[in-house]
Amino acid sequence: MRTIELTSGSLNLEDALDLASHDNIILKATDGREFVLAEMDNFDREIELTRKDQELMNLLDQRSKERGVLTIRQARQQLGLL
């Protein structure tokens, strides 16, 4: 899996689709958001390839450990308001 940093005019849609037809890619927007682009031709095959993609599995594992929700009390503590 490759990561491609998107900048103004760096990659058009056709080029991105062509790249994704050979290997799954991560598109990283200038604001930091990331998107996965993968060709979908056979769902079972895609699941198998995804599970074998260690870089993606590591990314998903890392993301799953991130704390996504704070209580009001926790937010105030982190901001030093308590």
PDB file of N, CA and C in Angstrom:
ATOM      1  N   MET A   1       0.848  -1.166   0.000  1.00  0.00           N
ATOM      2  CA  MET A   1       0.000   0.000   0.000  1.00  0.00           C
ATOM      3  C   MET A   1       0.891   1.226   0.000  1.00  0.00           C
ATOM      4  N   ARG A   2       0.563   2.167  -0.855  1.00  0.00           N
ATOM      5  CA  ARG A   2       1.318   3.407  -0.970  1.00  0.00           C
ATOM      6  C   ARG A   2       0.504   4.560  -0.404  1.00  0.00           C
ATOM      7  N   THR A   3       1.194   5.535   0.160  1.00  0.00           N
ATOM      8  CA  THR A   3       0.544   6.766   0.602  1.00  0.00           C
ATOM      9  C   THR A   3       0.931   7.861  -0.368  1.00  0.00           C
ATOM     10  N   ILE A   4      -0.077   8.596  -0.841  1.00  0.00           N
ATOM     11  CA  ILE A   4       0.165   9.690  -1.765  1.00  0.00           C
ATOM     12  C   ILE A   4      -0.339  10.973  -1.126  1.00  0.00           C
ATOM     13  N   GLU A   5       0.555  11.933  -0.959  1.00  0.00           N
ATOM     14  CA  GLU A   5       0.202  13.239  -0.411  1.00  0.00           C
ATOM     15  C   GLU A   5      -0.444  14.040  -1.542  1.00  0.00           C
ATOM     16  N   LEU A   6      -1.654  14.507  -1.299  1.00  0.00           N
ATOM     17  CA  LEU A   6      -2.352  15.291  -2.313  1.00  0.00           C
ATOM     18  C   LEU A   6      -2.037  16.772  -2.154  1.00  0.00           C
ATOM     19  N   THR A   7      -1.548  17.343  -3.216  1.00  0.00           N
ATOM     20  CA  THR A   7      -1.333  18.780  -3.274  1.00  0.00           C
ATOM     21  C   THR A   7      -2.058  19.275  -4.510  1.00  0.00           C
ATOM     22  N   SER A   8      -2.172  20.539  -4.647  1.00  0.00           N
ATOM     23  CA  SER A   8      -2.903  21.112  -5.773  1.00  0.00           C
ATOM     24  C   SER A   8      -2.360  20.583  -7.098  1.00  0.00           C
ATOM     25  N   GLY A   9      -3.202  19.857  -7.810  1.00  0.00           N
ATOM     26  CA  GLY A   9      -2.838  19.351  -9.129  1.00  0.00           C
ATOM     27  C   GLY A   9      -1.864  18.185  -9.131  1.00  0.00           C
ATOM     28  N   SER A  10      -1.625  17.566  -7.977  1.00  0.00           N
ATOM     29  CA  SER A  10      -0.617  16.507  -7.913  1.00  0.00           C
ATOM     30  C   SER A  10      -1.079  15.191  -8.539  1.00  0.00           C
ATOM     31  N   LEU A  11      -2.375  14.950  -8.561  1.00  0.00           N
ATOM     32  CA  LEU A  11      -2.876  13.672  -9.050  1.00  0.00           C
ATOM     33  C   LEU A  11      -4.312  13.844  -9.503  1.00  0.00           C
ATOM     34  N   ASN A  12      -4.588  13.426 -10.735  1.00  0.00           N
ATOM     35  CA  ASN A  12      -5.984  13.499 -11.171  1.00  0.00           C
ATOM     36  C   ASN A  12      -6.669  12.168 -10.880  1.00  0.00           C
ATOM     37  N   LEU A  13      -7.970  12.150 -11.014  1.00  0.00           N
ATOM     38  CA  LEU A  13      -8.751  10.969 -10.652  1.00  0.00           C
ATOM     39  C   LEU A  13      -8.366   9.759 -11.482  1.00  0.00           C
ATOM     40  N   GLU A  14      -8.175   9.938 -12.778  1.00  0.00           N
ATOM     41  CA  GLU A  14      -7.812   8.806 -13.638  1.00  0.00           C
ATOM     42  C   GLU A  14      -6.480   8.195 -13.214  1.00  0.00           C
ATOM     43  N   ASP A  15      -5.502   9.038 -12.881  1.00  0.00           N
ATOM     44  CA  ASP A  15      -4.208   8.534 -12.413  1.00  0.00           C
ATOM     45  C   ASP A  15      -4.362   7.777 -11.094  1.00  0.00           C
ATOM     46  N   ALA A  16      -5.187   8.313 -10.197  1.00  0.00           N
ATOM     47  CA  ALA A  16      -5.420   7.655  -8.909  1.00  0.00           C
ATOM     48  C   ALA A  16      -6.070   6.289  -9.113  1.00  0.00           C
ATOM     49  N   LEU A  17      -7.054   6.221 -10.003  1.00  0.00           N
ATOM     50  CA  LEU A  17      -7.710   4.936 -10.276  1.00  0.00           C
ATOM     51  C   LEU A  17      -6.750   3.946 -10.916  1.00  0.00           C
ATOM     52  N   ASP A  18      -5.887   4.437 -11.789  1.00  0.00           N
ATOM     53  CA  ASP A  18      -4.892   3.563 -12.410  1.00  0.00           C
ATOM     54  C   ASP A  18      -3.942   2.993 -11.357  1.00  0.00           C
ATOM     55  N   LEU A  19      -3.486   3.835 -10.445  1.00  0.00           N
ATOM     56  CA  LEU A  19      -2.614   3.361  -9.361  1.00  0.00           C
ATOM     57  C   LEU A  19      -3.330   2.336  -8.492  1.00  0.00           C
ATOM     58  N   ALA A  20      -4.599   2.600  -8.182  1.00  0.00           N
ATOM     59  CA  ALA A  20      -5.371   1.701  -7.312  1.00  0.00           C
ATOM     60  C   ALA A  20      -5.668   0.372  -7.990  1.00  0.00           C
ATOM     61  N   SER A  21      -5.606   0.329  -9.310  1.00  0.00           N
ATOM     62  CA  SER A  21      -5.841  -0.946 -10.000  1.00  0.00           C
ATOM     63  C   SER A  21      -4.664  -1.898  -9.831  1.00  0.00           C
ATOM     64  N   HIS A  22      -3.513  -1.365  -9.417  1.00  0.00           N
ATOM     65  CA  HIS A  22      -2.317  -2.191  -9.208  1.00  0.00           C
ATOM     66  C   HIS A  22      -2.056  -2.471  -7.732  1.00  0.00           C
ATOM     67  N   ASP A  23      -2.419  -1.506  -6.884  1.00  0.00           N
ATOM     68  CA  ASP A  23      -2.154  -1.652  -5.454  1.00  0.00           C
ATOM     69  C   ASP A  23      -3.056  -0.669  -4.708  1.00  0.00           C
ATOM     70  N   ASN A  24      -3.539  -1.048  -3.548  1.00  0.00           N
ATOM     71  CA  ASN A  24      -4.354  -0.140  -2.750  1.00  0.00           C
ATOM     72  C   ASN A  24      -3.510   1.072  -2.374  1.00  0.00           C
ATOM     73  N   ILE A  25      -4.139   2.254  -2.338  1.00  0.00           N
ATOM     74  CA  ILE A  25      -3.393   3.457  -1.997  1.00  0.00           C
ATOM     75  C   ILE A  25      -4.128   4.244  -0.912  1.00  0.00           C
ATOM     76  N   ILE A  26      -3.345   4.981  -0.142  1.00  0.00           N
ATOM     77  CA  ILE A  26      -3.883   5.914   0.834  1.00  0.00           C
ATOM     78  C   ILE A  26      -3.677   7.300   0.251  1.00  0.00           C
ATOM     79  N   LEU A  27      -4.755   8.057   0.146  1.00  0.00           N
ATOM     80  CA  LEU A  27      -4.680   9.429  -0.332  1.00  0.00           C
ATOM     81  C   LEU A  27      -4.733  10.336   0.892  1.00  0.00           C
ATOM     82  N   LYS A  28      -3.695  11.147   1.068  1.00  0.00           N
ATOM     83  CA  LYS A  28      -3.629  12.037   2.229  1.00  0.00           C
ATOM     84  C   LYS A  28      -3.886  13.463   1.761  1.00  0.00           C
ATOM     85  N   ALA A  29      -4.995  14.039   2.247  1.00  0.00           N
ATOM     86  CA  ALA A  29      -5.391  15.391   1.881  1.00  0.00           C
ATOM     87  C   ALA A  29      -4.490  16.409   2.575  1.00  0.00           C
ATOM     88  N   THR A  30      -4.484  17.618   2.061  1.00  0.00           N
ATOM     89  CA  THR A  30      -3.635  18.662   2.640  1.00  0.00           C
ATOM     90  C   THR A  30      -4.019  18.989   4.073  1.00  0.00           C
ATOM     91  N   ASP A  31      -5.278  18.708   4.455  1.00  0.00           N
ATOM     92  CA  ASP A  31      -5.707  18.961   5.838  1.00  0.00           C
ATOM     93  C   ASP A  31      -5.446  17.782   6.767  1.00  0.00           C
ATOM     94  N   GLY A  32      -4.775  16.727   6.258  1.00  0.00           N
ATOM     95  CA  GLY A  32      -4.408  15.588   7.083  1.00  0.00           C
ATOM     96  C   GLY A  32      -5.350  14.403   7.030  1.00  0.00           C
ATOM     97  N   ARG A  33      -6.555  14.590   6.461  1.00  0.00           N
ATOM     98  CA  ARG A  33      -7.482  13.458   6.360  1.00  0.00           C
ATOM     99  C   ARG A  33      -6.908  12.436   5.390  1.00  0.00           C
ATOM    100  N   GLU A  34      -7.211  11.161   5.653  1.00  0.00           N
ATOM    101  CA  GLU A  34      -6.706  10.069   4.819  1.00  0.00           C
ATOM    102  C   GLU A  34      -7.862   9.228   4.299  1.00  0.00           C
ATOM    103  N   PHE A  35      -7.704   8.769   3.071  1.00  0.00           N
ATOM    104  CA  PHE A  35      -8.710   7.954   2.409  1.00  0.00           C
ATOM    105  C   PHE A  35      -8.022   6.758   1.768  1.00  0.00           C
ATOM    106  N   VAL A  36      -8.684   5.607   1.786  1.00  0.00           N
ATOM    107  CA  VAL A  36      -8.169   4.415   1.124  1.00  0.00           C
ATOM    108  C   VAL A  36      -8.875   4.276  -0.214  1.00  0.00           C
ATOM    109  N   LEU A  37      -8.094   4.047  -1.263  1.00  0.00           N
ATOM    110  CA  LEU A  37      -8.646   3.826  -2.591  1.00  0.00           C
ATOM    111  C   LEU A  37      -8.199   2.442  -3.034  1.00  0.00           C
ATOM    112  N   ALA A  38      -9.179   1.580  -3.302  1.00  0.00           N
ATOM    113  CA  ALA A  38      -8.875   0.198  -3.679  1.00  0.00           C
ATOM    114  C   ALA A  38      -9.847  -0.254  -4.755  1.00  0.00           C
ATOM    115  N   GLU A  39      -9.354  -1.050  -5.676  1.00  0.00           N
ATOM    116  CA  GLU A  39     -10.215  -1.598  -6.712  1.00  0.00           C
ATOM    117  C   GLU A  39     -11.076  -2.701  -6.111  1.00  0.00           C
ATOM    118  N   MET A  40     -12.348  -2.685  -6.412  1.00  0.00           N
ATOM    119  CA  MET A  40     -13.271  -3.696  -5.899  1.00  0.00           C
ATOM    120  C   MET A  40     -13.731  -4.565  -7.066  1.00  0.00           C
ATOM    121  N   ASP A  41     -13.114  -5.717  -7.195  1.00  0.00           N
ATOM    122  CA  ASP A  41     -13.533  -6.606  -8.276  1.00  0.00           C
ATOM    123  C   ASP A  41     -14.097  -7.916  -7.746  1.00  0.00           C
ATOM    124  N   ASN A  42     -13.662  -8.314  -6.593  1.00  0.00           N
ATOM    125  CA  ASN A  42     -14.139  -9.549  -5.986  1.00  0.00           C
ATOM    126  C   ASN A  42     -14.047  -9.366  -4.481  1.00  0.00           C
ATOM    127  N   PHE A  43     -15.192  -9.292  -3.832  1.00  0.00           N
ATOM    128  CA  PHE A  43     -15.209  -8.952  -2.414  1.00  0.00           C
ATOM    129  C   PHE A  43     -14.375  -9.914  -1.573  1.00  0.00           C
ATOM    130  N   ASP A  44     -14.467 -11.192  -1.814  1.00  0.00           N
ATOM    131  CA  ASP A  44     -13.679 -12.163  -1.044  1.00  0.00           C
ATOM    132  C   ASP A  44     -12.185 -11.926  -1.241  1.00  0.00           C
ATOM    133  N   ARG A  45     -11.815 -11.631  -2.470  1.00  0.00           N
ATOM    134  CA  ARG A  45     -10.403 -11.359  -2.776  1.00  0.00           C
ATOM    135  C   ARG A  45      -9.948 -10.096  -2.054  1.00  0.00           C
ATOM    136  N   GLU A  46     -10.793  -9.085  -2.033  1.00  0.00           N
ATOM    137  CA  GLU A  46     -10.442  -7.830  -1.369  1.00  0.00           C
ATOM    138  C   GLU A  46     -10.243  -8.039   0.129  1.00  0.00           C
ATOM    139  N   ILE A  47     -11.077  -8.849   0.740  1.00  0.00           N
ATOM    140  CA  ILE A  47     -10.921  -9.138   2.164  1.00  0.00           C
ATOM    141  C   ILE A  47      -9.590  -9.839   2.408  1.00  0.00           C
ATOM    142  N   GLU A  48      -9.286 -10.814   1.587  1.00  0.00           N
ATOM    143  CA  GLU A  48      -8.025 -11.545   1.720  1.00  0.00           C
ATOM    144  C   GLU A  48      -6.825 -10.616   1.563  1.00  0.00           C
ATOM    145  N   LEU A  49      -6.847  -9.765   0.547  1.00  0.00           N
ATOM    146  CA  LEU A  49      -5.738  -8.837   0.321  1.00  0.00           C
ATOM    147  C   LEU A  49      -5.616  -7.824   1.450  1.00  0.00           C
ATOM    148  N   THR A  50      -6.741  -7.357   1.942  1.00  0.00           N
ATOM    149  CA  THR A  50      -6.727  -6.387   3.032  1.00  0.00           C
ATOM    150  C   THR A  50      -6.120  -6.998   4.286  1.00  0.00           C
ATOM    151  N   ARG A  51      -6.502  -8.208   4.600  1.00  0.00           N
ATOM    152  CA  ARG A  51      -5.961  -8.874   5.799  1.00  0.00           C
ATOM    153  C   ARG A  51      -4.465  -9.120   5.685  1.00  0.00           C
ATOM    154  N   LYS A  52      -3.970  -9.288   4.462  1.00  0.00           N
ATOM    155  CA  LYS A  52      -2.540  -9.522   4.248  1.00  0.00           C
ATOM    156  C   LYS A  52      -1.730  -8.227   4.209  1.00  0.00           C
ATOM    157  N   ASP A  53      -2.402  -7.097   4.137  1.00  0.00           N
ATOM    158  CA  ASP A  53      -1.731  -5.803   4.052  1.00  0.00           C
ATOM    159  C   ASP A  53      -1.330  -5.368   5.458  1.00  0.00           C
ATOM    160  N   GLN A  54      -0.100  -5.682   5.844  1.00  0.00           N
ATOM    161  CA  GLN A  54       0.349  -5.435   7.216  1.00  0.00           C
ATOM    162  C   GLN A  54       0.357  -3.952   7.548  1.00  0.00           C
ATOM    163  N   GLU A  55       0.704  -3.105   6.584  1.00  0.00           N
ATOM    164  CA  GLU A  55       0.713  -1.661   6.841  1.00  0.00           C
ATOM    165  C   GLU A  55      -0.690  -1.166   7.199  1.00  0.00           C
ATOM    166  N   LEU A  56      -1.691  -1.625   6.461  1.00  0.00           N
ATOM    167  CA  LEU A  56      -3.068  -1.234   6.756  1.00  0.00           C
ATOM    168  C   LEU A  56      -3.523  -1.804   8.093  1.00  0.00           C
ATOM    169  N   MET A  57      -3.183  -3.059   8.366  1.00  0.00           N
ATOM    170  CA  MET A  57      -3.568  -3.663   9.637  1.00  0.00           C
ATOM    171  C   MET A  57      -2.941  -2.904  10.805  1.00  0.00           C
ATOM    172  N   ASN A  58      -1.684  -2.483  10.662  1.00  0.00           N
ATOM    173  CA  ASN A  58      -1.027  -1.696  11.717  1.00  0.00           C
ATOM    174  C   ASN A  58      -1.727  -0.353  11.905  1.00  0.00           C
ATOM    175  N   LEU A  59      -2.082   0.297  10.789  1.00  0.00           N
ATOM    176  CA  LEU A  59      -2.788   1.567  10.859  1.00  0.00           C
ATOM    177  C   LEU A  59      -4.133   1.404  11.568  1.00  0.00           C
ATOM    178  N   LEU A  60      -4.892   0.383  11.192  1.00  0.00           N
ATOM    179  CA  LEU A  60      -6.191   0.147  11.820  1.00  0.00           C
ATOM    180  C   LEU A  60      -6.047  -0.190  13.296  1.00  0.00           C
ATOM    181  N   ASP A  61      -5.019  -0.955  13.639  1.00  0.00           N
ATOM    182  CA  ASP A  61      -4.765  -1.295  15.037  1.00  0.00           C
ATOM    183  C   ASP A  61      -4.446  -0.039  15.844  1.00  0.00           C
ATOM    184  N   GLN A  62      -3.613   0.828  15.275  1.00  0.00           N
ATOM    185  CA  GLN A  62      -3.260   2.078  15.937  1.00  0.00           C
ATOM    186  C   GLN A  62      -4.494   2.948  16.124  1.00  0.00           C
ATOM    187  N   ARG A  63      -5.303   3.076  15.086  1.00  0.00           N
ATOM    188  CA  ARG A  63      -6.506   3.908  15.162  1.00  0.00           C
ATOM    189  C   ARG A  63      -7.514   3.351  16.174  1.00  0.00           C
ATOM    190  N   SER A  64      -7.582   2.029  16.285  1.00  0.00           N
ATOM    191  CA  SER A  64      -8.563   1.439  17.200  1.00  0.00           C
ATOM    192  C   SER A  64      -8.203   1.698  18.661  1.00  0.00           C
ATOM    193  N   LYS A  65      -6.940   2.009  18.928  1.00  0.00           N
ATOM    194  CA  LYS A  65      -6.502   2.263  20.300  1.00  0.00           C
ATOM    195  C   LYS A  65      -6.664   3.724  20.703  1.00  0.00           C
ATOM    196  N   GLU A  66      -6.955   4.590  19.719  1.00  0.00           N
ATOM    197  CA  GLU A  66      -7.133   6.000  20.030  1.00  0.00           C
ATOM    198  C   GLU A  66      -8.430   6.190  20.805  1.00  0.00           C
ATOM    199  N   ARG A  67      -8.364   7.040  21.809  1.00  0.00           N
ATOM    200  CA  ARG A  67      -9.565   7.354  22.584  1.00  0.00           C
ATOM    201  C   ARG A  67     -10.341   8.405  21.816  1.00  0.00           C
ATOM    202  N   GLY A  68     -11.561   8.106  21.478  1.00  0.00           N
ATOM    203  CA  GLY A  68     -12.341   9.013  20.662  1.00  0.00           C
ATOM    204  C   GLY A  68     -13.313   9.881  21.422  1.00  0.00           C
ATOM    205  N   VAL A  69     -13.639   9.526  22.651  1.00  0.00           N
ATOM    206  CA  VAL A  69     -14.669  10.249  23.391  1.00  0.00           C
ATOM    207  C   VAL A  69     -14.148  10.596  24.782  1.00  0.00           C
ATOM    208  N   LEU A  70     -14.355  11.839  25.154  1.00  0.00           N
ATOM    209  CA  LEU A  70     -14.010  12.284  26.498  1.00  0.00           C
ATOM    210  C   LEU A  70     -15.277  12.747  27.196  1.00  0.00           C
ATOM    211  N   THR A  71     -15.322  12.541  28.478  1.00  0.00           N
ATOM    212  CA  THR A  71     -16.418  13.126  29.253  1.00  0.00           C
ATOM    213  C   THR A  71     -16.104  14.612  29.415  1.00  0.00           C
ATOM    214  N   ILE A  72     -17.094  15.377  29.813  1.00  0.00           N
ATOM    215  CA  ILE A  72     -16.887  16.805  30.065  1.00  0.00           C
ATOM    216  C   ILE A  72     -15.817  16.986  31.143  1.00  0.00           C
ATOM    217  N   ARG A  73     -15.885  16.153  32.162  1.00  0.00           N
ATOM    218  CA  ARG A  73     -14.905  16.235  33.256  1.00  0.00           C
ATOM    219  C   ARG A  73     -13.485  15.982  32.738  1.00  0.00           C
ATOM    220  N   GLN A  74     -13.304  14.967  31.898  1.00  0.00           N
ATOM    221  CA  GLN A  74     -11.980  14.670  31.354  1.00  0.00           C
ATOM    222  C   GLN A  74     -11.468  15.821  30.488  1.00  0.00           C
ATOM    223  N   ALA A  75     -12.347  16.403  29.682  1.00  0.00           N
ATOM    224  CA  ALA A  75     -11.954  17.529  28.839  1.00  0.00           C
ATOM    225  C   ALA A  75     -11.516  18.717  29.687  1.00  0.00           C
ATOM    226  N   ARG A  76     -12.276  19.003  30.737  1.00  0.00           N
ATOM    227  CA  ARG A  76     -11.919  20.112  31.626  1.00  0.00           C
ATOM    228  C   ARG A  76     -10.589  19.856  32.328  1.00  0.00           C
ATOM    229  N   GLN A  77     -10.347  18.601  32.727  1.00  0.00           N
ATOM    230  CA  GLN A  77      -9.081  18.259  33.382  1.00  0.00           C
ATOM    231  C   GLN A  77      -7.925  18.462  32.402  1.00  0.00           C
ATOM    232  N   GLN A  78      -8.081  18.010  31.174  1.00  0.00           N
ATOM    233  CA  GLN A  78      -7.011  18.153  30.183  1.00  0.00           C
ATOM    234  C   GLN A  78      -6.733  19.621  29.862  1.00  0.00           C
ATOM    235  N   LEU A  79      -7.755  20.450  29.939  1.00  0.00           N
ATOM    236  CA  LEU A  79      -7.602  21.876  29.667  1.00  0.00           C
ATOM    237  C   LEU A  79      -7.206  22.666  30.897  1.00  0.00           C
ATOM    238  N   GLY A  80      -7.087  21.977  32.040  1.00  0.00           N
ATOM    239  CA  GLY A  80      -6.687  22.634  33.286  1.00  0.00           C
ATOM    240  C   GLY A  80      -7.774  23.503  33.873  1.00  0.00           C
ATOM    241  N   LEU A  81      -9.019  23.167  33.622  1.00  0.00           N
ATOM    242  CA  LEU A  81     -10.143  23.954  34.128  1.00  0.00           C
ATOM    243  C   LEU A  81     -10.705  23.407  35.423  1.00  0.00           C
ATOM    244  N   LEU A  82     -10.170  22.321  35.922  1.00  0.00           N
ATOM    245  CA  LEU A  82     -10.618  21.736  37.187  1.00  0.00           C
ATOM    246  C   LEU A  82      -9.506  21.776  38.210  1.00  0.00           C
TER     247      LEU A  82
END
